Amino acid sequence: MAILHAAQPHEPWNKGGLIGQKSPLKLKDVWAIRIRLQLGHKVRDLALFNLAIDSKLRACDLVKLRYPTYLMPGRCLRELW
């Protein structure tokens, strides 16, 4: 004998939140992140952050980069993309 329970109403975890593209970082926010990374001695993270900001790459494109791609002398990263 199976007992069927009425389905509980399910509410999404992000109901009422903003969706879509986020607003860009303000200059003061960029510098705050840079300072925190410098004070934390996170050289790799600071280099990736600076590369992302300077080249305007998205995060998914940034993580695809490999060593020879972004260190070509005399070439701008935007030329390669």
Foldseek 3Di string as FASTA:
>chain_A
DDDDDDDDDDDDPQPPHDDDDDDDDDPVRLVVVLVVCVVVVVVVVNVLSVCCVVQVDDPVVSVPDDDVQCPDPPDDNNVSD
